PDB file of all heavy atoms in Angstrom:
ATOM      1  N   ALA A   1     163.920 222.452  42.467  1.00  0.00           N
ATOM      2  CA  ALA A   1     164.536 222.989  43.677  1.00  0.00           C
ATOM      3  C   ALA A   1     164.935 224.371  43.674  1.00  0.00           C
ATOM      4  O   ALA A   1     164.660 225.144  44.490  1.00  0.00           O
ATOM      5  CB  ALA A   1     165.733 222.012  44.051  1.00  0.00           C
ATOM      6  N   VAL A   2     165.325 224.733  42.460  1.00  0.00           N
ATOM      7  CA  VAL A   2     165.710 226.285  42.380  1.00  0.00           C
ATOM      8  C   VAL A   2     164.558 227.137  42.506  1.00  0.00           C
ATOM      9  O   VAL A   2     164.546 228.158  43.243  1.00  0.00           O
ATOM     10  CB  VAL A   2     166.423 226.522  40.991  1.00  0.00           C
ATOM     11  CG1 VAL A   2     166.576 228.064  40.685  1.00  0.00           C
ATOM     12  CG2 VAL A   2     167.764 225.983  40.850  1.00  0.00           C
ATOM     13  N   GLN A   3     163.358 226.582  42.095  1.00  0.00           N
ATOM     14  CA  GLN A   3     162.148 227.409  42.254  1.00  0.00           C
ATOM     15  C   GLN A   3     161.627 227.477  43.666  1.00  0.00           C
ATOM     16  O   GLN A   3     160.585 228.060  43.902  1.00  0.00           O
ATOM     17  CB  GLN A   3     161.124 226.895  41.242  1.00  0.00           C
ATOM     18  CG  GLN A   3     161.464 227.284  39.820  1.00  0.00           C
ATOM     19  CD  GLN A   3     160.423 227.023  38.740  1.00  0.00           C
ATOM     20  OE1 GLN A   3     159.235 226.917  39.192  1.00  0.00           O
ATOM     21  NE2 GLN A   3     160.872 226.970  37.582  1.00  0.00           N
ATOM     22  N   LEU A   4     162.361 226.774  44.557  1.00  0.00           N
ATOM     23  CA  LEU A   4     161.927 226.832  46.018  1.00  0.00           C
ATOM     24  C   LEU A   4     162.459 228.037  46.676  1.00  0.00           C
ATOM     25  O   LEU A   4     162.192 228.369  47.879  1.00  0.00           O
ATOM     26  CB  LEU A   4     162.382 225.618  46.755  1.00  0.00           C
ATOM     27  CG  LEU A   4     161.578 224.354  46.459  1.00  0.00           C
ATOM     28  CD1 LEU A   4     162.282 223.030  47.105  1.00  0.00           C
ATOM     29  CD2 LEU A   4     160.191 224.459  47.051  1.00  0.00           C
ATOM     30  N   VAL A   5     163.255 228.893  45.969  1.00  0.00           N
ATOM     31  CA  VAL A   5     163.861 230.091  46.505  1.00  0.00           C
ATOM     32  C   VAL A   5     162.909 230.972  47.165  1.00  0.00           C
ATOM     33  O   VAL A   5     163.083 231.414  48.321  1.00  0.00           O
ATOM     34  CB  VAL A   5     164.662 230.825  45.637  1.00  0.00           C
ATOM     35  CG1 VAL A   5     165.165 232.195  46.032  1.00  0.00           C
ATOM     36  CG2 VAL A   5     166.116 230.066  45.307  1.00  0.00           C
ATOM     37  N   PRO A   6     161.786 231.246  46.485  1.00  0.00           N
ATOM     38  CA  PRO A   6     160.713 232.146  47.163  1.00  0.00           C
ATOM     39  C   PRO A   6     160.165 231.507  48.434  1.00  0.00           C
ATOM     40  O   PRO A   6     159.831 232.253  49.343  1.00  0.00           O
ATOM     41  CB  PRO A   6     159.777 232.370  46.002  1.00  0.00           C
ATOM     42  CG  PRO A   6     160.427 232.188  44.812  1.00  0.00           C
ATOM     43  CD  PRO A   6     161.455 231.027  45.187  1.00  0.00           C
ATOM     44  N   VAL A   7     159.966 230.177  48.384  1.00  0.00           N
ATOM     45  CA  VAL A   7     159.426 229.533  49.635  1.00  0.00           C
ATOM     46  C   VAL A   7     160.469 229.662  50.696  1.00  0.00           C
ATOM     47  O   VAL A   7     160.083 229.968  51.850  1.00  0.00           O
ATOM     48  CB  VAL A   7     159.084 228.059  49.212  1.00  0.00           C
ATOM     49  CG1 VAL A   7     158.722 227.336  50.369  1.00  0.00           C
ATOM     50  CG2 VAL A   7     158.030 227.999  48.146  1.00  0.00           C
ATOM     51  N   MET A   8     161.716 229.389  50.452  1.00  0.00           N
ATOM     52  CA  MET A   8     162.666 229.512  51.433  1.00  0.00           C
ATOM     53  C   MET A   8     162.776 230.918  52.004  1.00  0.00           C
ATOM     54  O   MET A   8     162.941 231.226  53.204  1.00  0.00           O
ATOM     55  CB  MET A   8     164.112 229.108  50.840  1.00  0.00           C
ATOM     56  CG  MET A   8     164.171 227.672  50.379  1.00  0.00           C
ATOM     57  SD  MET A   8     164.160 226.579  51.846  1.00  0.00           S
ATOM     58  CE  MET A   8     165.339 225.302  51.350  1.00  0.00           C
ATOM     59  N   ALA A   9     162.777 231.837  51.162  1.00  0.00           N
ATOM     60  CA  ALA A   9     162.748 233.298  51.426  1.00  0.00           C
ATOM     61  C   ALA A   9     161.610 233.600  52.503  1.00  0.00           C
ATOM     62  O   ALA A   9     161.691 234.303  53.424  1.00  0.00           O
ATOM     63  CB  ALA A   9     162.814 234.129  50.279  1.00  0.00           C
ATOM     64  N   GLN A  10     160.391 233.148  52.084  1.00  0.00           N
ATOM     65  CA  GLN A  10     159.289 233.406  52.869  1.00  0.00           C
ATOM     66  C   GLN A  10     159.257 232.697  54.259  1.00  0.00           C
ATOM     67  O   GLN A  10     158.897 233.173  55.326  1.00  0.00           O
ATOM     68  CB  GLN A  10     157.958 233.052  52.264  1.00  0.00           C
ATOM     69  CG  GLN A  10     157.678 233.892  50.987  1.00  0.00           C
ATOM     70  CD  GLN A  10     157.227 235.365  51.394  1.00  0.00           C
ATOM     71  OE1 GLN A  10     156.952 235.610  52.579  1.00  0.00           O
ATOM     72  NE2 GLN A  10     157.374 236.295  50.432  1.00  0.00           N
ATOM     73  N   LEU A  11     159.818 231.444  54.234  1.00  0.00           N
ATOM     74  CA  LEU A  11     160.042 230.732  55.480  1.00  0.00           C
ATOM     75  C   LEU A  11     160.935 231.481  56.450  1.00  0.00           C
ATOM     76  O   LEU A  11     160.786 231.604  57.663  1.00  0.00           O
ATOM     77  CB  LEU A  11     160.467 229.334  55.200  1.00  0.00           C
ATOM     78  CG  LEU A  11     159.548 228.220  54.882  1.00  0.00           C
ATOM     79  CD1 LEU A  11     160.239 226.947  54.390  1.00  0.00           C
ATOM     80  CD2 LEU A  11     158.516 228.021  56.002  1.00  0.00           C
ATOM     81  N   GLY A  12     162.187 231.882  55.863  1.00  0.00           N
ATOM     82  CA  GLY A  12     163.102 232.615  56.618  1.00  0.00           C
ATOM     83  C   GLY A  12     162.507 233.943  57.158  1.00  0.00           C
ATOM     84  O   GLY A  12     162.718 234.189  58.416  1.00  0.00           O
ATOM     85  N   ALA A  13     161.736 234.635  56.425  1.00  0.00           N
ATOM     86  CA  ALA A  13     161.132 235.911  56.780  1.00  0.00           C
ATOM     87  C   ALA A  13     160.179 235.695  57.972  1.00  0.00           C
ATOM     88  O   ALA A  13     160.101 236.412  58.978  1.00  0.00           O
ATOM     89  CB  ALA A  13     160.420 236.630  55.599  1.00  0.00           C
ATOM     90  N   TRP A  14     159.412 234.539  57.679  1.00  0.00           N
ATOM     91  CA  TRP A  14     158.479 234.242  58.818  1.00  0.00           C
ATOM     92  C   TRP A  14     159.121 233.898  60.098  1.00  0.00           C
ATOM     93  O   TRP A  14     158.817 234.448  61.182  1.00  0.00           O
ATOM     94  CB  TRP A  14     157.500 233.114  58.398  1.00  0.00           C
ATOM     95  CG  TRP A  14     156.330 232.859  59.225  1.00  0.00           C
ATOM     96  CD1 TRP A  14     155.161 233.389  59.231  1.00  0.00           C
ATOM     97  CD2 TRP A  14     156.444 231.962  60.453  1.00  0.00           C
ATOM     98  NE1 TRP A  14     154.357 232.917  60.334  1.00  0.00           N
ATOM     99  CE2 TRP A  14     155.225 232.033  61.155  1.00  0.00           C
ATOM    100  CE3 TRP A  14     157.353 231.230  60.988  1.00  0.00           C
ATOM    101  CZ2 TRP A  14     154.771 231.303  62.300  1.00  0.00           C
ATOM    102  CZ3 TRP A  14     157.115 230.441  62.168  1.00  0.00           C
ATOM    103  CH2 TRP A  14     155.814 230.528  62.692  1.00  0.00           C
ATOM    104  N   GLY A  15     160.128 233.021  59.992  1.00  0.00           N
ATOM    105  CA  GLY A  15     161.022 232.749  61.144  1.00  0.00           C
ATOM    106  C   GLY A  15     161.550 233.886  61.920  1.00  0.00           C
ATOM    107  O   GLY A  15     161.624 233.973  63.118  1.00  0.00           O
ATOM    108  N   ALA A  16     162.124 234.722  61.026  1.00  0.00           N
ATOM    109  CA  ALA A  16     162.790 236.004  61.582  1.00  0.00           C
ATOM    110  C   ALA A  16     161.851 236.880  62.399  1.00  0.00           C
ATOM    111  O   ALA A  16     162.136 237.519  63.336  1.00  0.00           O
ATOM    112  CB  ALA A  16     163.555 236.628  60.544  1.00  0.00           C
ATOM    113  N   ARG A  17     160.614 236.729  61.797  1.00  0.00           N
ATOM    114  CA  ARG A  17     159.593 237.734  62.335  1.00  0.00           C
ATOM    115  C   ARG A  17     158.971 237.226  63.676  1.00  0.00           C
ATOM    116  O   ARG A  17     158.810 237.932  64.608  1.00  0.00           O
ATOM    117  CB  ARG A  17     158.465 238.014  61.429  1.00  0.00           C
ATOM    118  CG  ARG A  17     157.119 238.543  61.815  1.00  0.00           C
ATOM    119  CD  ARG A  17     157.324 240.027  62.332  1.00  0.00           C
ATOM    120  NE  ARG A  17     155.956 240.523  62.792  1.00  0.00           N
ATOM    121  CZ  ARG A  17     155.630 240.484  64.105  1.00  0.00           C
ATOM    122  NH1 ARG A  17     156.261 240.008  65.018  1.00  0.00           N
ATOM    123  NH2 ARG A  17     154.502 241.083  64.323  1.00  0.00           N
ATOM    124  N   TRP A  18     158.778 235.884  63.731  1.00  0.00           N
ATOM    125  CA  TRP A  18     158.008 235.242  64.831  1.00  0.00           C
ATOM    126  C   TRP A  18     158.731 234.466  65.845  1.00  0.00           C
ATOM    127  O   TRP A  18     158.222 233.971  66.782  1.00  0.00           O
ATOM    128  CB  TRP A  18     156.791 234.428  64.174  1.00  0.00           C
ATOM    129  CG  TRP A  18     155.916 235.325  63.571  1.00  0.00           C
ATOM    130  CD1 TRP A  18     155.719 235.528  62.227  1.00  0.00           C
ATOM    131  CD2 TRP A  18     154.939 236.157  64.211  1.00  0.00           C
ATOM    132  NE1 TRP A  18     154.605 236.392  61.990  1.00  0.00           N
ATOM    133  CE2 TRP A  18     154.161 236.876  63.177  1.00  0.00           C
ATOM    134  CE3 TRP A  18     154.480 236.524  65.470  1.00  0.00           C
ATOM    135  CZ2 TRP A  18     153.165 237.799  63.439  1.00  0.00           C
ATOM    136  CZ3 TRP A  18     153.585 237.417  65.739  1.00  0.00           C
ATOM    137  CH2 TRP A  18     152.815 237.993  64.670  1.00  0.00           C
ATOM    138  N   LEU A  19     160.046 234.159  65.456  1.00  0.00           N
ATOM    139  CA  LEU A  19     160.856 233.161  66.344  1.00  0.00           C
ATOM    140  C   LEU A  19     162.105 233.916  66.938  1.00  0.00           C
ATOM    141  O   LEU A  19     162.556 234.803  66.240  1.00  0.00           O
ATOM    142  CB  LEU A  19     161.192 231.954  65.567  1.00  0.00           C
ATOM    143  CG  LEU A  19     159.984 231.163  64.991  1.00  0.00           C
ATOM    144  CD1 LEU A  19     160.560 229.980  64.094  1.00  0.00           C
ATOM    145  CD2 LEU A  19     159.055 230.551  66.078  1.00  0.00           C
ATOM    146  N   ASP A  20     162.595 233.413  68.027  1.00  0.00           N
ATOM    147  CA  ASP A  20     163.836 234.040  68.643  1.00  0.00           C
ATOM    148  C   ASP A  20     164.939 233.374  67.918  1.00  0.00           C
ATOM    149  O   ASP A  20     165.321 232.337  68.426  1.00  0.00           O
ATOM    150  CB  ASP A  20     163.820 233.765  70.086  1.00  0.00           C
ATOM    151  CG  ASP A  20     164.954 234.456  70.798  1.00  0.00           C
ATOM    152  OD1 ASP A  20     165.531 235.443  70.291  1.00  0.00           O
ATOM    153  OD2 ASP A  20     165.179 234.126  71.941  1.00  0.00           O
ATOM    154  N   THR A  21     165.429 233.960  66.808  1.00  0.00           N
ATOM    155  CA  THR A  21     166.497 233.424  66.047  1.00  0.00           C
ATOM    156  C   THR A  21     167.815 233.916  66.242  1.00  0.00           C
ATOM    157  O   THR A  21     167.911 235.150  66.820  1.00  0.00           O
ATOM    158  CB  THR A  21     166.097 233.528  64.503  1.00  0.00           C
ATOM    159  OG1 THR A  21     165.924 234.962  64.203  1.00  0.00           O
ATOM    160  CG2 THR A  21     164.890 232.806  64.091  1.00  0.00           C
ATOM    161  N   ALA A  22     168.885 233.445  65.769  1.00  0.00           N
ATOM    162  CA  ALA A  22     170.273 233.855  66.050  1.00  0.00           C
ATOM    163  C   ALA A  22     170.544 235.001  65.063  1.00  0.00           C
ATOM    164  O   ALA A  22     170.181 234.868  63.786  1.00  0.00           O
ATOM    165  CB  ALA A  22     171.154 232.843  65.831  1.00  0.00           C
ATOM    166  N   PRO A  23     171.024 236.241  65.543  1.00  0.00           N
ATOM    167  CA  PRO A  23     171.226 237.206  64.539  1.00  0.00           C
ATOM    168  C   PRO A  23     172.049 237.013  63.362  1.00  0.00           C
ATOM    169  O   PRO A  23     171.665 237.344  62.199  1.00  0.00           O
ATOM    170  CB  PRO A  23     171.835 238.376  65.425  1.00  0.00           C
ATOM    171  CG  PRO A  23     171.548 237.967  66.782  1.00  0.00           C
ATOM    172  CD  PRO A  23     171.364 236.500  66.843  1.00  0.00           C
ATOM    173  N   GLU A  24     173.099 236.150  63.464  1.00  0.00           N
ATOM    174  CA  GLU A  24     173.983 235.874  62.333  1.00  0.00           C
ATOM    175  C   GLU A  24     173.272 234.989  61.312  1.00  0.00           C
ATOM    176  O   GLU A  24     173.584 234.955  60.220  1.00  0.00           O
ATOM    177  CB  GLU A  24     175.372 235.378  62.803  1.00  0.00           C
ATOM    178  CG  GLU A  24     175.276 233.930  63.347  1.00  0.00           C
ATOM    179  CD  GLU A  24     174.920 233.813  64.756  1.00  0.00           C
ATOM    180  OE1 GLU A  24     174.436 234.793  65.368  1.00  0.00           O
ATOM    181  OE2 GLU A  24     175.092 232.690  65.347  1.00  0.00           O
ATOM    182  N   LEU A  25     172.408 234.205  61.857  1.00  0.00           N
ATOM    183  CA  LEU A  25     171.463 233.261  60.965  1.00  0.00           C
ATOM    184  C   LEU A  25     170.326 233.985  60.340  1.00  0.00           C
ATOM    185  O   LEU A  25     169.727 233.556  59.373  1.00  0.00           O
ATOM    186  CB  LEU A  25     171.187 232.027  61.634  1.00  0.00           C
ATOM    187  CG  LEU A  25     172.418 231.241  62.193  1.00  0.00           C
ATOM    188  CD1 LEU A  25     171.919 230.017  62.983  1.00  0.00           C
ATOM    189  CD2 LEU A  25     173.251 230.920  61.055  1.00  0.00           C
ATOM    190  N   THR A  26     169.970 235.127  60.913  1.00  0.00           N
ATOM    191  CA  THR A  26     168.741 235.711  60.567  1.00  0.00           C
ATOM    192  C   THR A  26     169.089 236.753  59.395  1.00  0.00           C
ATOM    193  O   THR A  26     168.228 237.129  58.612  1.00  0.00           O
ATOM    194  CB  THR A  26     168.171 236.443  61.811  1.00  0.00           C
ATOM    195  OG1 THR A  26     167.790 235.433  62.721  1.00  0.00           O
ATOM    196  CG2 THR A  26     166.839 237.310  61.352  1.00  0.00           C
ATOM    197  N   VAL A  27     170.323 237.293  59.322  1.00  0.00           N
ATOM    198  CA  VAL A  27     170.580 238.302  58.441  1.00  0.00           C
ATOM    199  C   VAL A  27     170.322 237.982  56.858  1.00  0.00           C
ATOM    200  O   VAL A  27     169.949 238.787  56.124  1.00  0.00           O
ATOM    201  CB  VAL A  27     172.135 238.778  58.533  1.00  0.00           C
ATOM    202  CG1 VAL A  27     173.080 237.729  58.188  1.00  0.00           C
ATOM    203  CG2 VAL A  27     172.345 240.116  57.919  1.00  0.00           C
ATOM    204  N   ARG A  28     170.606 236.721  56.562  1.00  0.00           N
ATOM    205  CA  ARG A  28     170.260 236.289  55.183  1.00  0.00           C
ATOM    206  C   ARG A  28     168.865 236.357  54.837  1.00  0.00           C
ATOM    207  O   ARG A  28     168.453 236.778  53.839  1.00  0.00           O
ATOM    208  CB  ARG A  28     170.995 234.858  54.828  1.00  0.00           C
ATOM    209  CG  ARG A  28     172.335 234.856  54.910  1.00  0.00           C
ATOM    210  CD  ARG A  28     172.983 233.450  54.523  1.00  0.00           C
ATOM    211  NE  ARG A  28     172.868 232.699  55.763  1.00  0.00           N
ATOM    212  CZ  ARG A  28     173.606 231.655  55.969  1.00  0.00           C
ATOM    213  NH1 ARG A  28     174.513 231.226  55.001  1.00  0.00           N
ATOM    214  NH2 ARG A  28     173.560 230.937  57.107  1.00  0.00           N
ATOM    215  N   ALA A  29     168.011 235.946  55.835  1.00  0.00           N
ATOM    216  CA  ALA A  29     166.550 235.909  55.684  1.00  0.00           C
ATOM    217  C   ALA A  29     166.088 237.383  55.619  1.00  0.00           C
ATOM    218  O   ALA A  29     165.285 237.633  54.735  1.00  0.00           O
ATOM    219  CB  ALA A  29     165.848 235.225  56.881  1.00  0.00           C
ATOM    220  N   GLU A  30     166.684 238.210  56.409  1.00  0.00           N
ATOM    221  CA  GLU A  30     166.318 239.642  56.192  1.00  0.00           C
ATOM    222  C   GLU A  30     166.643 240.279  54.964  1.00  0.00           C
ATOM    223  O   GLU A  30     165.836 241.072  54.315  1.00  0.00           O
ATOM    224  CB  GLU A  30     166.858 240.392  57.418  1.00  0.00           C
ATOM    225  CG  GLU A  30     166.302 240.057  58.671  1.00  0.00           C
ATOM    226  CD  GLU A  30     167.023 240.656  59.967  1.00  0.00           C
ATOM    227  OE1 GLU A  30     168.089 241.149  59.780  1.00  0.00           O
ATOM    228  OE2 GLU A  30     166.375 240.535  60.996  1.00  0.00           O
ATOM    229  N   LEU A  31     167.855 240.006  54.381  1.00  0.00           N
ATOM    230  CA  LEU A  31     168.209 240.537  53.186  1.00  0.00           C
ATOM    231  C   LEU A  31     167.330 239.918  52.019  1.00  0.00           C
ATOM    232  O   LEU A  31     166.936 240.757  51.094  1.00  0.00           O
ATOM    233  CB  LEU A  31     169.681 240.081  52.891  1.00  0.00           C
ATOM    234  CG  LEU A  31     170.733 240.900  53.583  1.00  0.00           C
ATOM    235  CD1 LEU A  31     172.206 240.306  53.361  1.00  0.00           C
ATOM    236  CD2 LEU A  31     170.726 242.351  53.157  1.00  0.00           C
ATOM    237  N   LEU A  32     167.035 238.788  52.031  1.00  0.00           N
ATOM    238  CA  LEU A  32     166.204 238.096  51.041  1.00  0.00           C
ATOM    239  C   LEU A  32     164.769 238.772  51.004  1.00  0.00           C
ATOM    240  O   LEU A  32     164.212 238.963  50.059  1.00  0.00           O
ATOM    241  CB  LEU A  32     166.081 236.668  51.175  1.00  0.00           C
ATOM    242  CG  LEU A  32     167.240 235.807  50.520  1.00  0.00           C
ATOM    243  CD1 LEU A  32     167.143 234.347  50.981  1.00  0.00           C
ATOM    244  CD2 LEU A  32     167.246 235.992  49.086  1.00  0.00           C
ATOM    245  N   ALA A  33     164.225 238.976  52.332  1.00  0.00           N
ATOM    246  CA  ALA A  33     162.913 239.596  52.419  1.00  0.00           C
ATOM    247  C   ALA A  33     162.947 240.969  51.872  1.00  0.00           C
ATOM    248  O   ALA A  33     162.025 241.432  51.182  1.00  0.00           O
ATOM    249  CB  ALA A  33     162.418 239.533  53.861  1.00  0.00           C
ATOM    250  N   ASP A  34     164.009 241.732  52.275  1.00  0.00           N
ATOM    251  CA  ASP A  34     164.161 243.167  51.815  1.00  0.00           C
ATOM    252  C   ASP A  34     164.342 243.159  50.205  1.00  0.00           C
ATOM    253  O   ASP A  34     163.744 244.072  49.532  1.00  0.00           O
ATOM    254  CB  ASP A  34     165.315 243.802  52.523  1.00  0.00           C
ATOM    255  CG  ASP A  34     165.007 244.091  53.976  1.00  0.00           C
ATOM    256  OD1 ASP A  34     163.849 243.904  54.434  1.00  0.00           O
ATOM    257  OD2 ASP A  34     165.959 244.291  54.810  1.00  0.00           O
ATOM    258  N   GLY A  35     165.151 242.224  49.763  1.00  0.00           N
ATOM    259  CA  GLY A  35     165.254 242.156  48.320  1.00  0.00           C
ATOM    260  C   GLY A  35     164.100 241.796  47.532  1.00  0.00           C
ATOM    261  O   GLY A  35     163.987 242.225  46.382  1.00  0.00           O
ATOM    262  N   GLY A  36     163.181 241.059  48.031  1.00  0.00           N
ATOM    263  CA  GLY A  36     161.978 240.651  47.490  1.00  0.00           C
ATOM    264  C   GLY A  36     162.143 239.823  46.227  1.00  0.00           C
ATOM    265  O   GLY A  36     163.194 239.403  45.928  1.00  0.00           O
ATOM    266  N   PRO A  37     161.157 239.780  45.405  1.00  0.00           N
ATOM    267  CA  PRO A  37     161.141 238.985  44.148  1.00  0.00           C
ATOM    268  C   PRO A  37     162.236 239.317  43.163  1.00  0.00           C
ATOM    269  O   PRO A  37     162.789 238.351  42.490  1.00  0.00           O
ATOM    270  CB  PRO A  37     159.714 239.135  43.509  1.00  0.00           C
ATOM    271  CG  PRO A  37     158.876 239.421  44.679  1.00  0.00           C
ATOM    272  CD  PRO A  37     159.777 240.156  45.732  1.00  0.00           C
ATOM    273  N   PRO A  38     162.644 240.490  43.099  1.00  0.00           N
ATOM    274  CA  PRO A  38     163.823 240.938  42.158  1.00  0.00           C
ATOM    275  C   PRO A  38     165.166 240.101  42.556  1.00  0.00           C
ATOM    276  O   PRO A  38     165.872 239.645  41.750  1.00  0.00           O
ATOM    277  CB  PRO A  38     163.952 242.391  42.115  1.00  0.00           C
ATOM    278  CG  PRO A  38     162.591 242.917  42.477  1.00  0.00           C
ATOM    279  CD  PRO A  38     162.092 241.837  43.462  1.00  0.00           C
ATOM    280  N   MET A  39     165.324 240.155  43.891  1.00  0.00           N
ATOM    281  CA  MET A  39     166.610 239.585  44.388  1.00  0.00           C
ATOM    282  C   MET A  39     166.482 237.920  44.229  1.00  0.00           C
ATOM    283  O   MET A  39     167.392 237.337  43.850  1.00  0.00           O
ATOM    284  CB  MET A  39     166.891 239.900  45.873  1.00  0.00           C
ATOM    285  CG  MET A  39     168.041 239.222  46.396  1.00  0.00           C
ATOM    286  SD  MET A  39     168.372 239.686  48.152  1.00  0.00           S
ATOM    287  CE  MET A  39     170.055 240.312  48.024  1.00  0.00           C
ATOM    288  N   TRP A  40     165.317 237.434  44.578  1.00  0.00           N
ATOM    289  CA  TRP A  40     165.047 236.127  44.440  1.00  0.00           C
ATOM    290  C   TRP A  40     165.181 235.489  42.926  1.00  0.00           C
ATOM    291  O   TRP A  40     165.785 234.516  42.721  1.00  0.00           O
ATOM    292  CB  TRP A  40     163.566 235.638  44.768  1.00  0.00           C
ATOM    293  CG  TRP A  40     163.180 236.146  46.223  1.00  0.00           C
ATOM    294  CD1 TRP A  40     164.007 236.523  47.140  1.00  0.00           C
ATOM    295  CD2 TRP A  40     161.878 236.272  46.710  1.00  0.00           C
ATOM    296  NE1 TRP A  40     163.198 236.977  48.279  1.00  0.00           N
ATOM    297  CE2 TRP A  40     161.949 236.795  47.952  1.00  0.00           C
ATOM    298  CE3 TRP A  40     160.575 235.984  46.125  1.00  0.00           C
ATOM    299  CZ2 TRP A  40     160.799 236.941  48.777  1.00  0.00           C
ATOM    300  CZ3 TRP A  40     159.488 236.092  46.909  1.00  0.00           C
ATOM    301  CH2 TRP A  40     159.567 236.600  48.265  1.00  0.00           C
ATOM    302  N   GLU A  41     164.733 236.313  41.966  1.00  0.00           N
ATOM    303  CA  GLU A  41     164.989 236.074  40.603  1.00  0.00           C
ATOM    304  C   GLU A  41     166.421 236.024  40.242  1.00  0.00           C
ATOM    305  O   GLU A  41     166.872 235.109  39.481  1.00  0.00           O
ATOM    306  CB  GLU A  41     164.199 237.063  39.666  1.00  0.00           C
ATOM    307  CG  GLU A  41     162.726 236.761  39.640  1.00  0.00           C
ATOM    308  CD  GLU A  41     162.346 235.463  39.076  1.00  0.00           C
ATOM    309  OE1 GLU A  41     163.021 234.901  38.176  1.00  0.00           O
ATOM    310  OE2 GLU A  41     161.172 234.914  39.515  1.00  0.00           O
ATOM    311  N   ARG A  42     167.145 236.987  40.673  1.00  0.00           N
ATOM    312  CA  ARG A  42     168.605 237.028  40.555  1.00  0.00           C
ATOM    313  C   ARG A  42     169.280 235.872  41.055  1.00  0.00           C
ATOM    314  O   ARG A  42     170.346 235.154  40.500  1.00  0.00           O
ATOM    315  CB  ARG A  42     169.271 238.273  41.002  1.00  0.00           C
ATOM    316  CG  ARG A  42     168.965 239.586  40.159  1.00  0.00           C
ATOM    317  CD  ARG A  42     169.824 240.751  40.419  1.00  0.00           C
ATOM    318  NE  ARG A  42     170.314 240.942  41.847  1.00  0.00           N
ATOM    319  CZ  ARG A  42     169.659 241.546  42.787  1.00  0.00           C
ATOM    320  NH1 ARG A  42     168.532 241.993  42.577  1.00  0.00           N
ATOM    321  NH2 ARG A  42     170.264 241.608  44.039  1.00  0.00           N
ATOM    322  N   PHE A  43     168.916 235.477  42.287  1.00  0.00           N
ATOM    323  CA  PHE A  43     169.500 234.295  42.986  1.00  0.00           C
ATOM    324  C   PHE A  43     169.155 233.079  42.267  1.00  0.00           C
ATOM    325  O   PHE A  43     169.963 232.181  42.081  1.00  0.00           O
ATOM    326  CB  PHE A  43     168.989 234.301  44.439  1.00  0.00           C
ATOM    327  CG  PHE A  43     169.679 233.186  45.344  1.00  0.00           C
ATOM    328  CD1 PHE A  43     171.070 232.893  45.107  1.00  0.00           C
ATOM    329  CD2 PHE A  43     168.992 232.504  46.231  1.00  0.00           C
ATOM    330  CE1 PHE A  43     171.581 232.012  45.993  1.00  0.00           C
ATOM    331  CE2 PHE A  43     169.530 231.647  47.050  1.00  0.00           C
ATOM    332  CZ  PHE A  43     170.866 231.293  46.974  1.00  0.00           C
TER     333      PHE A  43
END
C-alpha cells in the first residue's frame, strides 16, 4: 500500500488537471505533483 503513493500522486495530478476540483482538496495533489519522485520517496 505504501508503494501506491506514486499512483495516488499521479491520480491526484490528473484529477487536478482535468476535473473541476475543490481548491482546498487540490492543494495536496499539486504539492505532490510539484515535489515529484523525491517527495514521494520521503513520504
